[in-house]
């Protein structure tokens, strides 16, 4: 079963060669719009490959439901996102690697469910991110700091007052690409987790000037990716792939996920 890697942080294409040879390019049509092109890489001795999707959040981005639907249609079970984030906490700086463990949804214009008609999206958000993928990230990137993620949508930067407010709420990092994707993935019984790279300071802090820290951190994350993906348990032990069992048993959802609505 292939994985999906969402790249919400620019990386040199050649740096992805460690995930294997490029074997396929594909665009996917979904009920929520087109997705892609996606590139598939695969190691010669690997049973599965990794689909890679460049991805950047904004109010005009691809409908997040389309991304999750496309992943499901490709037979993907696990989605790992890599995102550049703003450090709201004053002890986070450029080049720090973080692991989102919870989130605050501050989006305003994004779809919130696949199930506007049935209410089948009423799923627990505890834990907010897939435990299996998060455990693999902690194992192979032990310096990754657990953070509470503030999901925003831009396109503007936060104000200094907003940065202080977000921090008072308990948020450590702000980004544009994990919410609503993480809970839409739950609705489709997919695993979703993320690795964050701090690329800027919050608006209430002095600007951080780059000295190669983000580039070095990106390289560290990419070098860890093969080990992270290889260490994921098969089959999943997290339960993400059974989140709609109750809805199916009650007859709220049919067995064929393509008929879910």
C-alpha atoms as a PDB file:
ATOM      1  CA  UNK A   1       0.000   0.000   0.000  1.00  0.00           C
ATOM      2  CA  UNK A   2       1.665   3.276  -1.087  1.00  0.00           C
ATOM      3  CA  UNK A   3       2.128   6.333   1.119  1.00  0.00           C
ATOM      4  CA  UNK A   4       1.502   9.985   0.251  1.00  0.00           C
ATOM      5  CA  UNK A   5       4.098  12.636   1.055  1.00  0.00           C
ATOM      6  CA  UNK A   6       2.713  16.182   1.011  1.00  0.00           C
ATOM      7  CA  UNK A   7       5.500  18.706   0.461  1.00  0.00           C
ATOM      8  CA  UNK A   8       4.447  22.100   1.792  1.00  0.00           C
ATOM      9  CA  UNK A   9       8.086  23.173   1.973  1.00  0.00           C
ATOM     10  CA  UNK A  10      10.176  23.673  -1.191  1.00  0.00           C
ATOM     11  CA  UNK A  11      12.859  21.021  -1.640  1.00  0.00           C
ATOM     12  CA  UNK A  12      15.254  20.339  -4.527  1.00  0.00           C
ATOM     13  CA  UNK A  13      13.788  17.509  -6.649  1.00  0.00           C
ATOM     14  CA  UNK A  14      17.090  15.607  -6.585  1.00  0.00           C
ATOM     15  CA  UNK A  15      16.910  15.419  -2.789  1.00  0.00           C
ATOM     16  CA  UNK A  16      13.920  13.077  -3.159  1.00  0.00           C
ATOM     17  CA  UNK A  17      15.959  10.447  -5.008  1.00  0.00           C
ATOM     18  CA  UNK A  18      16.568   8.698  -1.664  1.00  0.00           C
ATOM     19  CA  UNK A  19      12.912   7.624  -1.860  1.00  0.00           C
ATOM     20  CA  UNK A  20      13.612   5.701  -5.048  1.00  0.00           C
ATOM     21  CA  UNK A  21      13.364   6.135  -8.788  1.00  0.00           C
ATOM     22  CA  UNK A  22      10.611   8.158 -10.387  1.00  0.00           C
ATOM     23  CA  UNK A  23       8.222   5.550 -11.794  1.00  0.00           C
ATOM     24  CA  UNK A  24       5.000   7.409 -12.545  1.00  0.00           C
ATOM     25  CA  UNK A  25       3.352  10.819 -12.884  1.00  0.00           C
ATOM     26  CA  UNK A  26      -0.389  11.150 -12.517  1.00  0.00           C
ATOM     27  CA  UNK A  27      -3.145  13.698 -12.056  1.00  0.00           C
ATOM     28  CA  UNK A  28      -6.368  12.648 -10.331  1.00  0.00           C
ATOM     29  CA  UNK A  29      -9.867  13.940 -11.040  1.00  0.00           C
ATOM     30  CA  UNK A  30     -12.063  13.989  -7.937  1.00  0.00           C
ATOM     31  CA  UNK A  31     -15.593  15.211  -7.179  1.00  0.00           C
ATOM     32  CA  UNK A  32     -13.909  18.232  -5.553  1.00  0.00           C
ATOM     33  CA  UNK A  33     -11.574  19.157  -8.396  1.00  0.00           C
ATOM     34  CA  UNK A  34      -8.325  17.913  -9.953  1.00  0.00           C
ATOM     35  CA  UNK A  35      -5.236  17.017  -7.909  1.00  0.00           C
ATOM     36  CA  UNK A  36      -1.708  16.810  -9.173  1.00  0.00           C
ATOM     37  CA  UNK A  37       0.489  16.132 -10.846  1.00  0.00           C
ATOM     38  CA  UNK A  38       1.627  13.571  -8.309  1.00  0.00           C
ATOM     39  CA  UNK A  39       4.956  11.796  -8.743  1.00  0.00           C
ATOM     40  CA  UNK A  40       5.545   8.239  -7.550  1.00  0.00           C
ATOM     41  CA  UNK A  41       8.958   7.091  -6.366  1.00  0.00           C
ATOM     42  CA  UNK A  42       9.835   3.542  -5.482  1.00  0.00           C
ATOM     43  CA  UNK A  43      12.899   1.665  -4.293  1.00  0.00           C
ATOM     44  CA  UNK A  44      13.717  -1.392  -6.474  1.00  0.00           C
ATOM     45  CA  UNK A  45      13.222  -3.815  -3.561  1.00  0.00           C
ATOM     46  CA  UNK A  46      10.224  -2.025  -2.021  1.00  0.00           C
ATOM     47  CA  UNK A  47       6.773  -3.546  -2.103  1.00  0.00           C
ATOM     48  CA  UNK A  48       5.161  -0.122  -2.199  1.00  0.00           C
ATOM     49  CA  UNK A  49       6.101   3.358  -3.290  1.00  0.00           C
ATOM     50  CA  UNK A  50       5.579   6.934  -2.205  1.00  0.00           C
ATOM     51  CA  UNK A  51       3.352   9.422  -4.004  1.00  0.00           C
ATOM     52  CA  UNK A  52       4.665  12.992  -3.708  1.00  0.00           C
ATOM     53  CA  UNK A  53       2.417  16.052  -3.948  1.00  0.00           C
ATOM     54  CA  UNK A  54       3.770  19.629  -3.828  1.00  0.00           C
ATOM     55  CA  UNK A  55       1.258  21.566  -1.760  1.00  0.00           C
ATOM     56  CA  UNK A  56       0.840  25.109  -0.530  1.00  0.00           C
ATOM     57  CA  UNK A  57      -2.061  26.424   1.505  1.00  0.00           C
ATOM     58  CA  UNK A  58      -4.066  29.517   0.649  1.00  0.00           C
ATOM     59  CA  UNK A  59      -7.749  30.363   0.333  1.00  0.00           C
ATOM     60  CA  UNK A  60      -7.525  29.561  -3.398  1.00  0.00           C
ATOM     61  CA  UNK A  61      -5.653  26.265  -3.074  1.00  0.00           C
ATOM     62  CA  UNK A  62      -6.978  22.931  -4.241  1.00  0.00           C
ATOM     63  CA  UNK A  63      -9.991  21.908  -2.181  1.00  0.00           C
ATOM     64  CA  UNK A  64      -8.473  19.883   0.710  1.00  0.00           C
ATOM     65  CA  UNK A  65     -11.202  17.288   0.211  1.00  0.00           C
ATOM     66  CA  UNK A  66      -9.806  16.683  -3.279  1.00  0.00           C
ATOM     67  CA  UNK A  67      -6.358  15.941  -1.821  1.00  0.00           C
ATOM     68  CA  UNK A  68      -7.727  13.386   0.642  1.00  0.00           C
ATOM     69  CA  UNK A  69     -10.048  11.835  -1.951  1.00  0.00           C
ATOM     70  CA  UNK A  70      -7.157  11.483  -4.401  1.00  0.00           C
ATOM     71  CA  UNK A  71      -5.047   9.769  -1.738  1.00  0.00           C
ATOM     72  CA  UNK A  72      -7.856   7.322  -1.010  1.00  0.00           C
ATOM     73  CA  UNK A  73      -8.354   6.569  -4.708  1.00  0.00           C
ATOM     74  CA  UNK A  74      -4.628   5.802  -5.093  1.00  0.00           C
ATOM     75  CA  UNK A  75      -4.839   3.177  -2.355  1.00  0.00           C
ATOM     76  CA  UNK A  76      -2.900   5.330   0.125  1.00  0.00           C
ATOM     77  CA  UNK A  77      -3.391   4.649   3.835  1.00  0.00           C
ATOM     78  CA  UNK A  78      -0.809   7.020   5.329  1.00  0.00           C
ATOM     79  CA  UNK A  79      -0.205  10.684   4.610  1.00  0.00           C
ATOM     80  CA  UNK A  80       2.878  12.494   5.904  1.00  0.00           C
ATOM     81  CA  UNK A  81       3.129  16.241   5.402  1.00  0.00           C
ATOM     82  CA  UNK A  82       6.284  18.343   5.618  1.00  0.00           C
ATOM     83  CA  UNK A  83       5.532  22.010   6.157  1.00  0.00           C
ATOM     84  CA  UNK A  84       7.385  25.249   6.740  1.00  0.00           C
ATOM     85  CA  UNK A  85       5.888  26.960   9.809  1.00  0.00           C
ATOM     86  CA  UNK A  86       6.028  30.228  11.696  1.00  0.00           C
ATOM     87  CA  UNK A  87       7.445  29.947  15.201  1.00  0.00           C
ATOM     88  CA  UNK A  88       4.999  31.608  17.601  1.00  0.00           C
ATOM     89  CA  UNK A  89       6.745  30.364  20.752  1.00  0.00           C
ATOM     90  CA  UNK A  90       9.690  32.612  21.565  1.00  0.00           C
ATOM     91  CA  UNK A  91      12.022  29.655  22.068  1.00  0.00           C
ATOM     92  CA  UNK A  92      11.464  28.394  18.505  1.00  0.00           C
ATOM     93  CA  UNK A  93      13.742  29.730  15.817  1.00  0.00           C
ATOM     94  CA  UNK A  94      14.622  29.150  12.178  1.00  0.00           C
ATOM     95  CA  UNK A  95      15.765  25.613  11.469  1.00  0.00           C
ATOM     96  CA  UNK A  96      14.020  23.986  14.426  1.00  0.00           C
ATOM     97  CA  UNK A  97      12.209  20.736  13.616  1.00  0.00           C
ATOM     98  CA  UNK A  98       8.822  20.281  15.249  1.00  0.00           C
ATOM     99  CA  UNK A  99       6.198  17.558  15.562  1.00  0.00           C
ATOM    100  CA  UNK A 100       2.574  18.748  15.708  1.00  0.00           C
ATOM    101  CA  UNK A 101       0.721  16.828  18.438  1.00  0.00           C
ATOM    102  CA  UNK A 102      -2.454  18.926  18.615  1.00  0.00           C
ATOM    103  CA  UNK A 103      -4.023  21.772  16.668  1.00  0.00           C
ATOM    104  CA  UNK A 104      -6.245  24.835  16.818  1.00  0.00           C
ATOM    105  CA  UNK A 105      -8.404  25.400  13.737  1.00  0.00           C
ATOM    106  CA  UNK A 106      -8.334  29.099  12.796  1.00  0.00           C
ATOM    107  CA  UNK A 107      -9.396  28.558   9.179  1.00  0.00           C
ATOM    108  CA  UNK A 108     -12.461  30.427   7.962  1.00  0.00           C
ATOM    109  CA  UNK A 109     -13.067  29.488   4.336  1.00  0.00           C
ATOM    110  CA  UNK A 110     -12.163  25.803   4.144  1.00  0.00           C
ATOM    111  CA  UNK A 111     -14.557  22.830   3.948  1.00  0.00           C
ATOM    112  CA  UNK A 112     -15.005  21.156   7.309  1.00  0.00           C
ATOM    113  CA  UNK A 113     -16.394  17.743   6.310  1.00  0.00           C
ATOM    114  CA  UNK A 114     -17.130  15.297   3.509  1.00  0.00           C
ATOM    115  CA  UNK A 115     -20.452  14.505   5.183  1.00  0.00           C
ATOM    116  CA  UNK A 116     -22.694  17.543   5.076  1.00  0.00           C
ATOM    117  CA  UNK A 117     -25.716  15.296   4.514  1.00  0.00           C
ATOM    118  CA  UNK A 118     -25.125  12.371   6.880  1.00  0.00           C
ATOM    119  CA  UNK A 119     -23.191  13.819   9.808  1.00  0.00           C
ATOM    120  CA  UNK A 120     -20.696  10.947   9.596  1.00  0.00           C
ATOM    121  CA  UNK A 121     -17.844  13.386  10.216  1.00  0.00           C
ATOM    122  CA  UNK A 122     -18.568  13.474  13.954  1.00  0.00           C
ATOM    123  CA  UNK A 123     -15.287  11.714  14.791  1.00  0.00           C
ATOM    124  CA  UNK A 124     -13.147  12.126  17.890  1.00  0.00           C
ATOM    125  CA  UNK A 125     -10.094  14.304  17.361  1.00  0.00           C
ATOM    126  CA  UNK A 126      -8.194  12.533  20.132  1.00  0.00           C
ATOM    127  CA  UNK A 127      -5.497  11.918  19.098  1.00  0.00           C
ATOM    128  CA  UNK A 128      -5.411  14.734  16.513  1.00  0.00           C
ATOM    129  CA  UNK A 129      -2.610  13.148  14.454  1.00  0.00           C
ATOM    130  CA  UNK A 130      -1.871   9.505  13.638  1.00  0.00           C
ATOM    131  CA  UNK A 131      -0.052   7.801  16.547  1.00  0.00           C
ATOM    132  CA  UNK A 132       1.792   5.332  14.290  1.00  0.00           C
ATOM    133  CA  UNK A 133       3.339   8.001  12.064  1.00  0.00           C
ATOM    134  CA  UNK A 134       4.034  10.335  14.983  1.00  0.00           C
ATOM    135  CA  UNK A 135       5.852   7.547  16.856  1.00  0.00           C
ATOM    136  CA  UNK A 136       8.016   6.839  13.810  1.00  0.00           C
ATOM    137  CA  UNK A 137       8.884  10.533  13.535  1.00  0.00           C
ATOM    138  CA  UNK A 138       9.872  10.680  17.219  1.00  0.00           C
ATOM    139  CA  UNK A 139      12.044   7.593  16.789  1.00  0.00           C
ATOM    140  CA  UNK A 140      14.007   8.839  13.799  1.00  0.00           C
ATOM    141  CA  UNK A 141      13.917  12.588  14.493  1.00  0.00           C
ATOM    142  CA  UNK A 142      14.326  12.617  18.291  1.00  0.00           C
ATOM    143  CA  UNK A 143      15.122  16.351  18.314  1.00  0.00           C
ATOM    144  CA  UNK A 144      11.691  17.183  16.875  1.00  0.00           C
ATOM    145  CA  UNK A 145       9.877  19.268  19.482  1.00  0.00           C
ATOM    146  CA  UNK A 146       6.182  18.509  20.164  1.00  0.00           C
ATOM    147  CA  UNK A 147       4.077  21.580  19.371  1.00  0.00           C
ATOM    148  CA  UNK A 148       0.476  22.723  19.245  1.00  0.00           C
ATOM    149  CA  UNK A 149      -0.220  23.855  15.711  1.00  0.00           C
ATOM    150  CA  UNK A 150      -2.360  26.854  14.745  1.00  0.00           C
ATOM    151  CA  UNK A 151      -4.025  26.107  11.405  1.00  0.00           C
ATOM    152  CA  UNK A 152      -4.546  29.334   9.440  1.00  0.00           C
ATOM    153  CA  UNK A 153      -5.106  30.019   5.752  1.00  0.00           C
ATOM    154  CA  UNK A 154      -3.463  33.327   4.809  1.00  0.00           C
ATOM    155  CA  UNK A 155      -2.581  34.738   2.400  1.00  0.00           C
ATOM    156  CA  UNK A 156      -1.522  37.511   4.759  1.00  0.00           C
ATOM    157  CA  UNK A 157       0.855  37.119   7.683  1.00  0.00           C
ATOM    158  CA  UNK A 158      -0.474  37.302  11.211  1.00  0.00           C
ATOM    159  CA  UNK A 159      -0.296  40.628  13.067  1.00  0.00           C
ATOM    160  CA  UNK A 160       1.755  41.044  16.222  1.00  0.00           C
ATOM    161  CA  UNK A 161      -1.478  41.132  18.254  1.00  0.00           C
ATOM    162  CA  UNK A 162      -2.652  37.901  16.611  1.00  0.00           C
ATOM    163  CA  UNK A 163       0.694  36.227  17.289  1.00  0.00           C
ATOM    164  CA  UNK A 164       0.369  37.110  20.980  1.00  0.00           C
ATOM    165  CA  UNK A 165      -3.236  35.880  21.025  1.00  0.00           C
ATOM    166  CA  UNK A 166      -2.325  32.581  19.366  1.00  0.00           C
ATOM    167  CA  UNK A 167       0.456  32.050  21.902  1.00  0.00           C
ATOM    168  CA  UNK A 168      -1.919  32.802  24.794  1.00  0.00           C
ATOM    169  CA  UNK A 169      -4.196  30.101  23.399  1.00  0.00           C
ATOM    170  CA  UNK A 170      -1.303  27.669  23.692  1.00  0.00           C
ATOM    171  CA  UNK A 171      -0.179  27.542  20.061  1.00  0.00           C
ATOM    172  CA  UNK A 172       3.549  27.151  19.373  1.00  0.00           C
ATOM    173  CA  UNK A 173       3.643  27.227  15.560  1.00  0.00           C
ATOM    174  CA  UNK A 174       1.416  28.545  12.764  1.00  0.00           C
ATOM    175  CA  UNK A 175       0.942  27.002   9.328  1.00  0.00           C
ATOM    176  CA  UNK A 176      -1.421  26.756   6.368  1.00  0.00           C
ATOM    177  CA  UNK A 177      -1.404  23.143   5.218  1.00  0.00           C
ATOM    178  CA  UNK A 178      -2.456  20.718   7.962  1.00  0.00           C
ATOM    179  CA  UNK A 179      -5.967  21.910   8.812  1.00  0.00           C
ATOM    180  CA  UNK A 180      -8.560  20.850   7.705  1.00  0.00           C
ATOM    181  CA  UNK A 181      -6.556  18.075   6.015  1.00  0.00           C
ATOM    182  CA  UNK A 182      -5.879  16.152   9.226  1.00  0.00           C
ATOM    183  CA  UNK A 183      -9.529  15.791  10.222  1.00  0.00           C
ATOM    184  CA  UNK A 184     -10.719  15.249   6.640  1.00  0.00           C
ATOM    185  CA  UNK A 185      -8.248  12.346   6.513  1.00  0.00           C
ATOM    186  CA  UNK A 186      -9.870  10.907   9.642  1.00  0.00           C
ATOM    187  CA  UNK A 187     -13.252  11.031   7.920  1.00  0.00           C
ATOM    188  CA  UNK A 188     -11.809   8.895   5.117  1.00  0.00           C
ATOM    189  CA  UNK A 189     -10.074   6.562   7.618  1.00  0.00           C
ATOM    190  CA  UNK A 190      -6.597   7.666   6.549  1.00  0.00           C
ATOM    191  CA  UNK A 191      -3.573   8.223   8.780  1.00  0.00           C
ATOM    192  CA  UNK A 192      -2.215  11.782   8.798  1.00  0.00           C
ATOM    193  CA  UNK A 193       0.750  13.327  10.614  1.00  0.00           C
ATOM    194  CA  UNK A 194       3.316  16.011   9.921  1.00  0.00           C
ATOM    195  CA  UNK A 195       6.848  17.271  10.390  1.00  0.00           C
ATOM    196  CA  UNK A 196       7.313  21.019  10.726  1.00  0.00           C
ATOM    197  CA  UNK A 197      10.300  23.199   9.884  1.00  0.00           C
ATOM    198  CA  UNK A 198      10.389  26.610  11.523  1.00  0.00           C
ATOM    199  CA  UNK A 199      11.160  29.079   8.729  1.00  0.00           C
ATOM    200  CA  UNK A 200      10.180  32.404  10.340  1.00  0.00           C
ATOM    201  CA  UNK A 201       9.375  34.086  13.644  1.00  0.00           C
ATOM    202  CA  UNK A 202       5.927  35.285  14.682  1.00  0.00           C
ATOM    203  CA  UNK A 203       5.035  38.891  13.950  1.00  0.00           C
ATOM    204  CA  UNK A 204       5.609  40.013  17.553  1.00  0.00           C
ATOM    205  CA  UNK A 205       9.265  38.985  17.399  1.00  0.00           C
ATOM    206  CA  UNK A 206      12.377  40.299  15.714  1.00  0.00           C
ATOM    207  CA  UNK A 207      12.794  39.046  12.170  1.00  0.00           C
ATOM    208  CA  UNK A 208      15.048  35.993  11.856  1.00  0.00           C
ATOM    209  CA  UNK A 209      17.605  36.230   9.055  1.00  0.00           C
ATOM    210  CA  UNK A 210      18.584  33.001   7.384  1.00  0.00           C
ATOM    211  CA  UNK A 211      22.057  31.509   7.619  1.00  0.00           C
ATOM    212  CA  UNK A 212      21.310  28.119   6.085  1.00  0.00           C
ATOM    213  CA  UNK A 213      19.470  26.719   9.124  1.00  0.00           C
ATOM    214  CA  UNK A 214      16.294  25.801   7.232  1.00  0.00           C
ATOM    215  CA  UNK A 215      18.256  24.164   4.438  1.00  0.00           C
ATOM    216  CA  UNK A 216      20.188  22.040   6.930  1.00  0.00           C
ATOM    217  CA  UNK A 217      17.003  21.072   8.794  1.00  0.00           C
ATOM    218  CA  UNK A 218      15.259  20.174   5.529  1.00  0.00           C
ATOM    219  CA  UNK A 219      18.172  17.917   4.624  1.00  0.00           C
ATOM    220  CA  UNK A 220      17.985  16.231   8.035  1.00  0.00           C
ATOM    221  CA  UNK A 221      14.259  15.564   7.628  1.00  0.00           C
ATOM    222  CA  UNK A 222      14.629  14.216   4.098  1.00  0.00           C
ATOM    223  CA  UNK A 223      17.461  11.914   5.161  1.00  0.00           C
ATOM    224  CA  UNK A 224      15.234  10.488   7.901  1.00  0.00           C
ATOM    225  CA  UNK A 225      12.245   9.899   5.613  1.00  0.00           C
ATOM    226  CA  UNK A 226      13.189   6.408   4.346  1.00  0.00           C
ATOM    227  CA  UNK A 227      13.666   5.153   7.915  1.00  0.00           C
ATOM    228  CA  UNK A 228      10.431   6.790   9.085  1.00  0.00           C
ATOM    229  CA  UNK A 229       8.398   5.175   6.307  1.00  0.00           C
ATOM    230  CA  UNK A 230      10.136   1.793   6.684  1.00  0.00           C
ATOM    231  CA  UNK A 231       9.434   1.642  10.425  1.00  0.00           C
ATOM    232  CA  UNK A 232       5.668   2.098  10.122  1.00  0.00           C
ATOM    233  CA  UNK A 233       3.802  -1.007  11.335  1.00  0.00           C
ATOM    234  CA  UNK A 234       1.903  -3.138   8.840  1.00  0.00           C
ATOM    235  CA  UNK A 235      -0.994  -3.357   9.240  1.00  0.00           C
ATOM    236  CA  UNK A 236      -1.566  -0.081  11.098  1.00  0.00           C
ATOM    237  CA  UNK A 237      -1.983  -0.333  14.876  1.00  0.00           C
ATOM    238  CA  UNK A 238      -3.366   3.189  15.307  1.00  0.00           C
ATOM    239  CA  UNK A 239      -6.993   2.473  14.450  1.00  0.00           C
ATOM    240  CA  UNK A 240      -7.223   5.289  11.903  1.00  0.00           C
ATOM    241  CA  UNK A 241      -8.345   2.770   9.276  1.00  0.00           C
ATOM    242  CA  UNK A 242     -11.401   1.799  11.355  1.00  0.00           C
ATOM    243  CA  UNK A 243     -12.748   5.211  12.364  1.00  0.00           C
ATOM    244  CA  UNK A 244     -15.948   4.781  10.346  1.00  0.00           C
ATOM    245  CA  UNK A 245     -16.728   1.213  11.473  1.00  0.00           C
ATOM    246  CA  UNK A 246     -19.550   2.444  13.685  1.00  0.00           C
ATOM    247  CA  UNK A 247     -21.124   4.496  10.886  1.00  0.00           C
ATOM    248  CA  UNK A 248     -21.006   1.479   8.582  1.00  0.00           C
ATOM    249  CA  UNK A 249     -22.531  -0.796  11.206  1.00  0.00           C
ATOM    250  CA  UNK A 250     -25.379   1.682  11.796  1.00  0.00           C
ATOM    251  CA  UNK A 251     -26.038   1.877   8.062  1.00  0.00           C
ATOM    252  CA  UNK A 252     -25.105   5.567   7.918  1.00  0.00           C
ATOM    253  CA  UNK A 253     -22.344   4.831   5.390  1.00  0.00           C
ATOM    254  CA  UNK A 254     -22.276   2.151   2.666  1.00  0.00           C
ATOM    255  CA  UNK A 255     -19.328  -0.223   2.328  1.00  0.00           C
ATOM    256  CA  UNK A 256     -18.032   1.531  -0.829  1.00  0.00           C
ATOM    257  CA  UNK A 257     -16.284   4.712   0.308  1.00  0.00           C
ATOM    258  CA  UNK A 258     -16.846   6.296  -3.125  1.00  0.00           C
ATOM    259  CA  UNK A 259     -20.533   6.454  -2.242  1.00  0.00           C
ATOM    260  CA  UNK A 260     -19.941   8.258   1.067  1.00  0.00           C
ATOM    261  CA  UNK A 261     -21.582  11.643   1.396  1.00  0.00           C
END
